[in-house]
């Protein structure tokens, strides 16, 4: 019999068979198109305003609307909505089949709810002056709110490392990648931009390049995290079998030929069967008893 192989589309529709980043191709693709449109509009206006120095009515208002580095424009609103969707998905994911909630995922949903509010309202920017009044800042620490964010990030990483390790390996890797990209943009590139700002480059292309990279990293990280959460929802809904590793089908094994126990001519046990059986000493066989049980009486073979 020939082996039965699954069709080419079987694994593609099984939860967990695809990469977490490709679990929502249409939604992720649409979100990435919005990110690309915002990036293009922002880049064109940066070059027009600071590179070419072109002026036209409403230029500054339009720039404030589409720039990626502002909390009060389209990019800030879009980022806030994405973070709110992440919070909602984490809250839904935290619910277990028994009705209870995973505490770590529920708290993480609250963290992203705050991030959504902060991204839209710029709450972290209000910490710059109070922190600068307490600690001398400058260079990489020009935007002093990072001094508050860094210890909180260390605590958050320590608390959620066990949760990260408990996730299925592809999801854990994607969450870690998204976290590194988000923190690298929100904090890392913010520090780089602060150093450029402190050096007197607040209106330079270098500063806007750093702030642009910051926002792009944040947006890409949130899109990746959303796709990974969707993958986790599918896997948990499908059960443990969805997390099994796909293995190639084992080749069919042919059954060993069965030796007839009876001779076709005499009706008595055949010589081949006698030789293979180690328990019965048939007449003319070199086999001996291999067990301690008493031999059974076997009628002698009648002559042909």
C-alpha atoms as a PDB file:
ATOM      1  CA  UNK A   1       0.000   0.000   0.000  1.00  0.00           C
ATOM      2  CA  UNK A   2       1.245   3.502  -0.718  1.00  0.00           C
ATOM      3  CA  UNK A   3       1.682   5.919   2.145  1.00  0.00           C
ATOM      4  CA  UNK A   4      -0.860   8.691   2.608  1.00  0.00           C
ATOM      5  CA  UNK A   5       0.719  12.139   2.500  1.00  0.00           C
ATOM      6  CA  UNK A   6      -0.908  15.367   3.548  1.00  0.00           C
ATOM      7  CA  UNK A   7      -1.672  17.891   0.858  1.00  0.00           C
ATOM      8  CA  UNK A   8       0.452  20.993   0.351  1.00  0.00           C
ATOM      9  CA  UNK A   9      -2.070  23.219   2.111  1.00  0.00           C
ATOM     10  CA  UNK A  10      -2.684  21.041   5.168  1.00  0.00           C
ATOM     11  CA  UNK A  11       0.105  22.429   7.322  1.00  0.00           C
ATOM     12  CA  UNK A  12      -0.528  25.995   6.201  1.00  0.00           C
ATOM     13  CA  UNK A  13      -3.992  25.954   7.776  1.00  0.00           C
ATOM     14  CA  UNK A  14      -3.048  24.200  11.000  1.00  0.00           C
ATOM     15  CA  UNK A  15      -2.573  26.559  13.979  1.00  0.00           C
ATOM     16  CA  UNK A  16       1.077  26.793  14.870  1.00  0.00           C
ATOM     17  CA  UNK A  17       2.288  25.493  11.492  1.00  0.00           C
ATOM     18  CA  UNK A  18       3.266  28.947  10.250  1.00  0.00           C
ATOM     19  CA  UNK A  19       5.636  31.480  11.695  1.00  0.00           C
ATOM     20  CA  UNK A  20       3.975  33.686  14.342  1.00  0.00           C
ATOM     21  CA  UNK A  21       4.906  36.769  12.311  1.00  0.00           C
ATOM     22  CA  UNK A  22       2.866  35.394   9.378  1.00  0.00           C
ATOM     23  CA  UNK A  23      -0.199  34.348  11.358  1.00  0.00           C
ATOM     24  CA  UNK A  24      -2.186  37.407  10.208  1.00  0.00           C
ATOM     25  CA  UNK A  25      -0.792  38.205   6.761  1.00  0.00           C
ATOM     26  CA  UNK A  26      -3.644  40.461   5.651  1.00  0.00           C
ATOM     27  CA  UNK A  27      -3.909  42.465   8.856  1.00  0.00           C
ATOM     28  CA  UNK A  28      -0.130  42.765   9.250  1.00  0.00           C
ATOM     29  CA  UNK A  29       0.213  43.728   5.599  1.00  0.00           C
ATOM     30  CA  UNK A  30      -2.401  46.469   5.933  1.00  0.00           C
ATOM     31  CA  UNK A  31      -0.736  47.828   9.071  1.00  0.00           C
ATOM     32  CA  UNK A  32       2.670  47.801   7.399  1.00  0.00           C
ATOM     33  CA  UNK A  33       1.220  49.740   4.454  1.00  0.00           C
ATOM     34  CA  UNK A  34      -0.015  52.421   6.877  1.00  0.00           C
ATOM     35  CA  UNK A  35       3.437  52.553   8.490  1.00  0.00           C
ATOM     36  CA  UNK A  36       5.051  52.882   5.062  1.00  0.00           C
ATOM     37  CA  UNK A  37       2.648  55.683   4.070  1.00  0.00           C
ATOM     38  CA  UNK A  38       3.380  57.598   7.268  1.00  0.00           C
ATOM     39  CA  UNK A  39       7.113  57.117   6.761  1.00  0.00           C
ATOM     40  CA  UNK A  40       7.000  58.387   3.180  1.00  0.00           C
ATOM     41  CA  UNK A  41       4.903  61.448   4.079  1.00  0.00           C
ATOM     42  CA  UNK A  42       7.155  62.252   7.034  1.00  0.00           C
ATOM     43  CA  UNK A  43      10.363  61.823   5.025  1.00  0.00           C
ATOM     44  CA  UNK A  44       9.138  64.003   2.142  1.00  0.00           C
ATOM     45  CA  UNK A  45       8.176  66.843   4.455  1.00  0.00           C
ATOM     46  CA  UNK A  46      11.449  66.609   6.403  1.00  0.00           C
ATOM     47  CA  UNK A  47      13.437  66.931   3.167  1.00  0.00           C
ATOM     48  CA  UNK A  48      11.189  69.735   1.890  1.00  0.00           C
ATOM     49  CA  UNK A  49      11.364  71.708   5.128  1.00  0.00           C
ATOM     50  CA  UNK A  50      14.901  71.115   6.396  1.00  0.00           C
ATOM     51  CA  UNK A  51      16.747  69.880   3.342  1.00  0.00           C
ATOM     52  CA  UNK A  52      15.435  72.146   0.605  1.00  0.00           C
ATOM     53  CA  UNK A  53      13.993  74.936   2.739  1.00  0.00           C
ATOM     54  CA  UNK A  54      10.842  75.114   0.620  1.00  0.00           C
ATOM     55  CA  UNK A  55       8.037  77.113   2.165  1.00  0.00           C
ATOM     56  CA  UNK A  56       4.355  77.060   1.283  1.00  0.00           C
ATOM     57  CA  UNK A  57       1.123  77.937   3.113  1.00  0.00           C
ATOM     58  CA  UNK A  58       0.275  75.402   5.809  1.00  0.00           C
ATOM     59  CA  UNK A  59       3.688  73.692   5.601  1.00  0.00           C
ATOM     60  CA  UNK A  60       4.354  73.690   9.344  1.00  0.00           C
ATOM     61  CA  UNK A  61       0.810  72.605  10.232  1.00  0.00           C
ATOM     62  CA  UNK A  62       1.013  69.750   7.724  1.00  0.00           C
ATOM     63  CA  UNK A  63       4.397  68.731   9.097  1.00  0.00           C
ATOM     64  CA  UNK A  64       3.069  68.607  12.654  1.00  0.00           C
ATOM     65  CA  UNK A  65       0.202  66.437  11.440  1.00  0.00           C
ATOM     66  CA  UNK A  66       2.219  63.761   9.622  1.00  0.00           C
ATOM     67  CA  UNK A  67       5.572  63.765  11.417  1.00  0.00           C
ATOM     68  CA  UNK A  68       6.466  60.502  13.101  1.00  0.00           C
ATOM     69  CA  UNK A  69       8.248  62.078  16.037  1.00  0.00           C
ATOM     70  CA  UNK A  70       5.242  63.935  17.453  1.00  0.00           C
ATOM     71  CA  UNK A  71       2.770  62.588  19.983  1.00  0.00           C
ATOM     72  CA  UNK A  72      -0.073  64.734  18.700  1.00  0.00           C
ATOM     73  CA  UNK A  73      -0.115  63.821  15.010  1.00  0.00           C
ATOM     74  CA  UNK A  74      -1.390  60.954  12.902  1.00  0.00           C
ATOM     75  CA  UNK A  75       1.557  58.725  13.811  1.00  0.00           C
ATOM     76  CA  UNK A  76       1.015  59.208  17.540  1.00  0.00           C
ATOM     77  CA  UNK A  77      -2.694  58.455  17.206  1.00  0.00           C
ATOM     78  CA  UNK A  78      -2.028  55.371  15.066  1.00  0.00           C
ATOM     79  CA  UNK A  79       0.575  54.074  17.496  1.00  0.00           C
ATOM     80  CA  UNK A  80      -1.780  54.651  20.428  1.00  0.00           C
ATOM     81  CA  UNK A  81      -4.540  52.667  18.714  1.00  0.00           C
ATOM     82  CA  UNK A  82      -2.157  49.775  17.998  1.00  0.00           C
ATOM     83  CA  UNK A  83      -1.037  49.669  21.623  1.00  0.00           C
ATOM     84  CA  UNK A  84      -4.667  49.703  22.738  1.00  0.00           C
ATOM     85  CA  UNK A  85      -5.391  46.710  20.478  1.00  0.00           C
ATOM     86  CA  UNK A  86      -2.393  44.909  21.988  1.00  0.00           C
ATOM     87  CA  UNK A  87      -3.775  45.554  25.479  1.00  0.00           C
ATOM     88  CA  UNK A  88      -7.169  44.190  24.482  1.00  0.00           C
ATOM     89  CA  UNK A  89      -5.657  41.082  22.894  1.00  0.00           C
ATOM     90  CA  UNK A  90      -3.451  40.407  25.919  1.00  0.00           C
ATOM     91  CA  UNK A  91      -6.458  40.724  28.212  1.00  0.00           C
ATOM     92  CA  UNK A  92      -8.370  38.233  26.084  1.00  0.00           C
ATOM     93  CA  UNK A  93      -5.372  35.903  25.931  1.00  0.00           C
ATOM     94  CA  UNK A  94      -4.982  35.956  29.709  1.00  0.00           C
ATOM     95  CA  UNK A  95      -8.297  34.134  30.211  1.00  0.00           C
ATOM     96  CA  UNK A  96      -7.772  30.415  30.830  1.00  0.00           C
ATOM     97  CA  UNK A  97     -10.260  27.608  30.017  1.00  0.00           C
ATOM     98  CA  UNK A  98     -11.193  27.327  33.704  1.00  0.00           C
ATOM     99  CA  UNK A  99     -12.274  30.977  33.744  1.00  0.00           C
ATOM    100  CA  UNK A 100      -9.338  32.313  35.734  1.00  0.00           C
ATOM    101  CA  UNK A 101      -6.825  34.755  34.315  1.00  0.00           C
ATOM    102  CA  UNK A 102      -3.081  34.515  33.947  1.00  0.00           C
ATOM    103  CA  UNK A 103      -1.852  37.273  36.249  1.00  0.00           C
ATOM    104  CA  UNK A 104       1.256  38.098  34.227  1.00  0.00           C
ATOM    105  CA  UNK A 105      -0.627  38.493  30.957  1.00  0.00           C
ATOM    106  CA  UNK A 106      -3.387  40.511  32.624  1.00  0.00           C
ATOM    107  CA  UNK A 107      -0.828  42.895  34.169  1.00  0.00           C
ATOM    108  CA  UNK A 108       0.972  43.154  30.824  1.00  0.00           C
ATOM    109  CA  UNK A 109      -2.342  44.163  29.263  1.00  0.00           C
ATOM    110  CA  UNK A 110      -2.494  46.988  31.814  1.00  0.00           C
ATOM    111  CA  UNK A 111       1.045  48.042  30.893  1.00  0.00           C
ATOM    112  CA  UNK A 112       0.094  48.342  27.230  1.00  0.00           C
ATOM    113  CA  UNK A 113      -3.076  50.212  28.147  1.00  0.00           C
ATOM    114  CA  UNK A 114      -0.896  52.802  29.878  1.00  0.00           C
ATOM    115  CA  UNK A 115       1.512  52.881  26.919  1.00  0.00           C
ATOM    116  CA  UNK A 116      -1.436  53.593  24.620  1.00  0.00           C
ATOM    117  CA  UNK A 117      -2.485  56.535  26.759  1.00  0.00           C
ATOM    118  CA  UNK A 118       1.094  57.778  27.081  1.00  0.00           C
ATOM    119  CA  UNK A 119       1.740  57.535  23.349  1.00  0.00           C
ATOM    120  CA  UNK A 120      -1.324  59.652  22.595  1.00  0.00           C
ATOM    121  CA  UNK A 121      -0.872  62.214  25.392  1.00  0.00           C
ATOM    122  CA  UNK A 122       2.922  62.366  25.822  1.00  0.00           C
ATOM    123  CA  UNK A 123       2.848  61.720  29.570  1.00  0.00           C
ATOM    124  CA  UNK A 124       6.505  60.694  29.701  1.00  0.00           C
ATOM    125  CA  UNK A 125       7.529  64.067  28.302  1.00  0.00           C
ATOM    126  CA  UNK A 126       6.181  65.689  31.466  1.00  0.00           C
ATOM    127  CA  UNK A 127       8.910  63.936  33.473  1.00  0.00           C
ATOM    128  CA  UNK A 128      11.792  65.683  31.714  1.00  0.00           C
ATOM    129  CA  UNK A 129      11.814  68.910  33.711  1.00  0.00           C
ATOM    130  CA  UNK A 130      11.200  67.384  37.181  1.00  0.00           C
ATOM    131  CA  UNK A 131      13.954  64.779  36.702  1.00  0.00           C
ATOM    132  CA  UNK A 132      16.342  67.360  35.223  1.00  0.00           C
ATOM    133  CA  UNK A 133      15.807  69.501  38.321  1.00  0.00           C
ATOM    134  CA  UNK A 134      17.011  66.631  40.514  1.00  0.00           C
ATOM    135  CA  UNK A 135      19.776  65.093  38.404  1.00  0.00           C
ATOM    136  CA  UNK A 136      22.246  66.829  36.085  1.00  0.00           C
ATOM    137  CA  UNK A 137      21.478  65.664  32.572  1.00  0.00           C
ATOM    138  CA  UNK A 138      22.922  66.119  29.127  1.00  0.00           C
ATOM    139  CA  UNK A 139      24.177  64.133  26.180  1.00  0.00           C
ATOM    140  CA  UNK A 140      22.425  60.756  26.014  1.00  0.00           C
ATOM    141  CA  UNK A 141      20.375  61.733  29.073  1.00  0.00           C
ATOM    142  CA  UNK A 142      19.097  65.033  27.692  1.00  0.00           C
ATOM    143  CA  UNK A 143      15.567  63.656  27.650  1.00  0.00           C
ATOM    144  CA  UNK A 144      15.651  62.832  31.343  1.00  0.00           C
ATOM    145  CA  UNK A 145      12.559  60.622  31.403  1.00  0.00           C
ATOM    146  CA  UNK A 146      14.792  57.722  30.317  1.00  0.00           C
ATOM    147  CA  UNK A 147      16.285  57.759  33.841  1.00  0.00           C
ATOM    148  CA  UNK A 148      12.861  56.686  35.100  1.00  0.00           C
ATOM    149  CA  UNK A 149      12.220  54.245  32.264  1.00  0.00           C
ATOM    150  CA  UNK A 150      15.473  52.273  32.494  1.00  0.00           C
ATOM    151  CA  UNK A 151      14.996  50.888  36.058  1.00  0.00           C
ATOM    152  CA  UNK A 152      11.384  50.051  35.264  1.00  0.00           C
ATOM    153  CA  UNK A 153      12.490  48.149  32.161  1.00  0.00           C
ATOM    154  CA  UNK A 154      14.976  46.115  34.193  1.00  0.00           C
ATOM    155  CA  UNK A 155      12.255  45.145  36.688  1.00  0.00           C
ATOM    156  CA  UNK A 156       9.812  44.339  33.897  1.00  0.00           C
ATOM    157  CA  UNK A 157      12.375  42.131  32.132  1.00  0.00           C
ATOM    158  CA  UNK A 158      13.155  40.224  35.344  1.00  0.00           C
ATOM    159  CA  UNK A 159       9.467  39.635  36.087  1.00  0.00           C
ATOM    160  CA  UNK A 160       8.511  38.532  32.574  1.00  0.00           C
ATOM    161  CA  UNK A 161      11.540  36.422  31.687  1.00  0.00           C
ATOM    162  CA  UNK A 162       9.906  33.228  33.095  1.00  0.00           C
ATOM    163  CA  UNK A 163       6.727  34.003  31.135  1.00  0.00           C
ATOM    164  CA  UNK A 164       8.774  34.523  27.987  1.00  0.00           C
ATOM    165  CA  UNK A 165      10.531  31.192  28.478  1.00  0.00           C
ATOM    166  CA  UNK A 166       7.198  29.432  29.011  1.00  0.00           C
ATOM    167  CA  UNK A 167       5.947  30.392  25.559  1.00  0.00           C
ATOM    168  CA  UNK A 168       6.346  28.033  22.583  1.00  0.00           C
ATOM    169  CA  UNK A 169       9.797  28.560  21.098  1.00  0.00           C
ATOM    170  CA  UNK A 170       8.754  30.453  17.914  1.00  0.00           C
ATOM    171  CA  UNK A 171       6.445  32.757  19.865  1.00  0.00           C
ATOM    172  CA  UNK A 172       9.049  33.410  22.563  1.00  0.00           C
ATOM    173  CA  UNK A 173      11.638  34.365  19.958  1.00  0.00           C
ATOM    174  CA  UNK A 174       9.206  36.712  18.199  1.00  0.00           C
ATOM    175  CA  UNK A 175       8.151  38.380  21.459  1.00  0.00           C
ATOM    176  CA  UNK A 176      11.799  38.878  22.397  1.00  0.00           C
ATOM    177  CA  UNK A 177      12.552  40.347  18.961  1.00  0.00           C
ATOM    178  CA  UNK A 178       9.588  42.727  19.230  1.00  0.00           C
ATOM    179  CA  UNK A 179      10.597  43.783  22.760  1.00  0.00           C
ATOM    180  CA  UNK A 180      14.182  44.514  21.716  1.00  0.00           C
ATOM    181  CA  UNK A 181      12.979  46.544  18.725  1.00  0.00           C
ATOM    182  CA  UNK A 182      10.451  48.506  20.793  1.00  0.00           C
ATOM    183  CA  UNK A 183      12.819  49.311  23.660  1.00  0.00           C
ATOM    184  CA  UNK A 184      15.650  50.007  21.223  1.00  0.00           C
ATOM    185  CA  UNK A 185      13.455  52.545  19.481  1.00  0.00           C
ATOM    186  CA  UNK A 186      11.600  54.092  22.408  1.00  0.00           C
ATOM    187  CA  UNK A 187      14.596  54.364  24.739  1.00  0.00           C
ATOM    188  CA  UNK A 188      17.747  53.682  22.723  1.00  0.00           C
ATOM    189  CA  UNK A 189      17.054  55.984  19.793  1.00  0.00           C
ATOM    190  CA  UNK A 190      15.519  58.540  22.155  1.00  0.00           C
ATOM    191  CA  UNK A 191      18.885  58.732  23.908  1.00  0.00           C
ATOM    192  CA  UNK A 192      20.694  59.086  20.581  1.00  0.00           C
ATOM    193  CA  UNK A 193      18.291  61.822  19.538  1.00  0.00           C
ATOM    194  CA  UNK A 194      18.814  63.529  22.897  1.00  0.00           C
ATOM    195  CA  UNK A 195      22.568  63.619  22.342  1.00  0.00           C
ATOM    196  CA  UNK A 196      22.064  65.183  18.893  1.00  0.00           C
ATOM    197  CA  UNK A 197      19.557  67.639  20.349  1.00  0.00           C
ATOM    198  CA  UNK A 198      21.966  68.600  23.136  1.00  0.00           C
ATOM    199  CA  UNK A 199      24.703  69.232  20.582  1.00  0.00           C
ATOM    200  CA  UNK A 200      22.551  71.893  18.912  1.00  0.00           C
ATOM    201  CA  UNK A 201      21.062  69.786  16.148  1.00  0.00           C
ATOM    202  CA  UNK A 202      17.401  70.137  17.058  1.00  0.00           C
ATOM    203  CA  UNK A 203      16.505  71.236  13.530  1.00  0.00           C
ATOM    204  CA  UNK A 204      19.006  69.046  11.692  1.00  0.00           C
ATOM    205  CA  UNK A 205      18.388  66.106   9.414  1.00  0.00           C
ATOM    206  CA  UNK A 206      20.404  63.931  11.805  1.00  0.00           C
ATOM    207  CA  UNK A 207      18.008  64.582  14.646  1.00  0.00           C
ATOM    208  CA  UNK A 208      14.964  63.877  12.505  1.00  0.00           C
ATOM    209  CA  UNK A 209      16.591  60.725  11.138  1.00  0.00           C
ATOM    210  CA  UNK A 210      17.110  59.462  14.711  1.00  0.00           C
ATOM    211  CA  UNK A 211      13.557  60.314  15.741  1.00  0.00           C
ATOM    212  CA  UNK A 212      12.197  58.736  12.554  1.00  0.00           C
ATOM    213  CA  UNK A 213      14.059  55.492  13.198  1.00  0.00           C
ATOM    214  CA  UNK A 214      12.759  55.556  16.768  1.00  0.00           C
ATOM    215  CA  UNK A 215       9.124  55.680  15.710  1.00  0.00           C
ATOM    216  CA  UNK A 216       9.513  53.168  12.892  1.00  0.00           C
ATOM    217  CA  UNK A 217      11.079  50.623  15.244  1.00  0.00           C
ATOM    218  CA  UNK A 218       8.247  51.110  17.720  1.00  0.00           C
ATOM    219  CA  UNK A 219       5.555  50.653  15.081  1.00  0.00           C
ATOM    220  CA  UNK A 220       7.167  47.578  13.517  1.00  0.00           C
ATOM    221  CA  UNK A 221       7.616  46.020  16.954  1.00  0.00           C
ATOM    222  CA  UNK A 222       3.941  46.520  17.838  1.00  0.00           C
ATOM    223  CA  UNK A 223       2.799  45.025  14.509  1.00  0.00           C
ATOM    224  CA  UNK A 224       5.042  41.984  15.087  1.00  0.00           C
ATOM    225  CA  UNK A 225       3.781  41.591  18.655  1.00  0.00           C
ATOM    226  CA  UNK A 226       0.164  41.744  17.490  1.00  0.00           C
ATOM    227  CA  UNK A 227       0.765  38.962  14.960  1.00  0.00           C
ATOM    228  CA  UNK A 228       2.495  36.837  17.609  1.00  0.00           C
ATOM    229  CA  UNK A 229      -0.407  37.264  20.038  1.00  0.00           C
ATOM    230  CA  UNK A 230      -2.813  36.151  17.317  1.00  0.00           C
ATOM    231  CA  UNK A 231      -0.661  33.053  16.751  1.00  0.00           C
ATOM    232  CA  UNK A 232      -0.726  32.283  20.482  1.00  0.00           C
ATOM    233  CA  UNK A 233      -4.518  32.607  20.528  1.00  0.00           C
ATOM    234  CA  UNK A 234      -4.839  30.124  17.681  1.00  0.00           C
ATOM    235  CA  UNK A 235      -2.455  27.641  19.278  1.00  0.00           C
ATOM    236  CA  UNK A 236      -4.122  27.792  22.693  1.00  0.00           C
ATOM    237  CA  UNK A 237      -7.580  27.466  21.161  1.00  0.00           C
ATOM    238  CA  UNK A 238      -6.521  24.413  19.155  1.00  0.00           C
ATOM    239  CA  UNK A 239      -4.958  22.654  22.140  1.00  0.00           C
ATOM    240  CA  UNK A 240      -1.639  20.869  22.670  1.00  0.00           C
ATOM    241  CA  UNK A 241      -1.769  19.034  19.342  1.00  0.00           C
ATOM    242  CA  UNK A 242      -1.208  22.317  17.486  1.00  0.00           C
ATOM    243  CA  UNK A 243       2.181  22.732  19.155  1.00  0.00           C
ATOM    244  CA  UNK A 244       3.465  19.366  17.999  1.00  0.00           C
ATOM    245  CA  UNK A 245       6.339  19.548  15.581  1.00  0.00           C
ATOM    246  CA  UNK A 246       5.431  18.553  12.050  1.00  0.00           C
ATOM    247  CA  UNK A 247       7.212  15.353  11.161  1.00  0.00           C
ATOM    248  CA  UNK A 248       7.413  13.703   7.735  1.00  0.00           C
ATOM    249  CA  UNK A 249       5.176  10.718   7.298  1.00  0.00           C
ATOM    250  CA  UNK A 250       6.913   7.450   8.108  1.00  0.00           C
ATOM    251  CA  UNK A 251       7.371   5.175   5.098  1.00  0.00           C
ATOM    252  CA  UNK A 252       5.050   2.166   5.075  1.00  0.00           C
ATOM    253  CA  UNK A 253       6.575  -0.997   6.459  1.00  0.00           C
ATOM    254  CA  UNK A 254       5.874  -4.243   4.662  1.00  0.00           C
ATOM    255  CA  UNK A 255       4.587  -7.005   6.864  1.00  0.00           C
ATOM    256  CA  UNK A 256       6.945  -9.900   7.410  1.00  0.00           C
ATOM    257  CA  UNK A 257       5.918 -13.030   5.540  1.00  0.00           C
ATOM    258  CA  UNK A 258       3.983 -15.377   7.757  1.00  0.00           C
ATOM    259  CA  UNK A 259       5.173 -18.935   7.685  1.00  0.00           C
ATOM    260  CA  UNK A 260       2.372 -21.388   7.460  1.00  0.00           C
ATOM    261  CA  UNK A 261       2.100 -23.425  10.600  1.00  0.00           C
ATOM    262  CA  UNK A 262       0.766 -26.458   8.706  1.00  0.00           C
ATOM    263  CA  UNK A 263       2.188 -28.295   5.776  1.00  0.00           C
ATOM    264  CA  UNK A 264       0.038 -28.184   2.691  1.00  0.00           C
ATOM    265  CA  UNK A 265       0.559 -31.890   2.011  1.00  0.00           C
ATOM    266  CA  UNK A 266       0.398 -33.648   5.371  1.00  0.00           C
ATOM    267  CA  UNK A 267      -1.500 -31.148   7.487  1.00  0.00           C
ATOM    268  CA  UNK A 268       1.150 -31.439  10.204  1.00  0.00           C
ATOM    269  CA  UNK A 269       3.373 -28.585  11.378  1.00  0.00           C
ATOM    270  CA  UNK A 270       5.833 -27.670   8.626  1.00  0.00           C
ATOM    271  CA  UNK A 271       9.614 -28.114   9.168  1.00  0.00           C
ATOM    272  CA  UNK A 272      10.222 -24.364   8.765  1.00  0.00           C
ATOM    273  CA  UNK A 273       7.713 -23.582  11.489  1.00  0.00           C
ATOM    274  CA  UNK A 274       9.285 -26.228  13.728  1.00  0.00           C
ATOM    275  CA  UNK A 275      12.766 -24.728  13.299  1.00  0.00           C
ATOM    276  CA  UNK A 276      11.550 -21.212  14.121  1.00  0.00           C
ATOM    277  CA  UNK A 277       9.660 -22.317  17.219  1.00  0.00           C
ATOM    278  CA  UNK A 278      12.107 -22.529  20.106  1.00  0.00           C
ATOM    279  CA  UNK A 279       9.714 -24.082  22.552  1.00  0.00           C
ATOM    280  CA  UNK A 280       8.781 -27.338  20.872  1.00  0.00           C
ATOM    281  CA  UNK A 281      11.428 -30.018  20.045  1.00  0.00           C
ATOM    282  CA  UNK A 282       9.933 -31.493  16.877  1.00  0.00           C
ATOM    283  CA  UNK A 283      11.297 -34.831  15.621  1.00  0.00           C
ATOM    284  CA  UNK A 284      14.389 -34.345  13.473  1.00  0.00           C
ATOM    285  CA  UNK A 285      14.924 -30.802  14.798  1.00  0.00           C
ATOM    286  CA  UNK A 286      18.140 -29.583  16.422  1.00  0.00           C
ATOM    287  CA  UNK A 287      16.170 -27.265  18.733  1.00  0.00           C
ATOM    288  CA  UNK A 288      16.146 -28.001  22.443  1.00  0.00           C
ATOM    289  CA  UNK A 289      13.860 -26.871  25.212  1.00  0.00           C
ATOM    290  CA  UNK A 290      14.575 -23.291  26.172  1.00  0.00           C
ATOM    291  CA  UNK A 291      12.088 -22.946  29.011  1.00  0.00           C
ATOM    292  CA  UNK A 292      11.570 -24.784  32.259  1.00  0.00           C
ATOM    293  CA  UNK A 293       8.017 -25.789  31.529  1.00  0.00           C
ATOM    294  CA  UNK A 294       7.234 -29.407  30.846  1.00  0.00           C
ATOM    295  CA  UNK A 295       7.180 -30.443  27.184  1.00  0.00           C
ATOM    296  CA  UNK A 296       3.847 -30.951  25.619  1.00  0.00           C
ATOM    297  CA  UNK A 297       3.106 -34.290  24.078  1.00  0.00           C
ATOM    298  CA  UNK A 298       3.174 -33.958  20.352  1.00  0.00           C
ATOM    299  CA  UNK A 299       2.046 -36.803  18.097  1.00  0.00           C
ATOM    300  CA  UNK A 300       4.795 -38.014  15.805  1.00  0.00           C
ATOM    301  CA  UNK A 301       4.615 -37.079  12.200  1.00  0.00           C
ATOM    302  CA  UNK A 302       3.021 -39.795  10.134  1.00  0.00           C
ATOM    303  CA  UNK A 303       5.206 -41.013   7.283  1.00  0.00           C
ATOM    304  CA  UNK A 304       4.238 -39.823   3.881  1.00  0.00           C
END
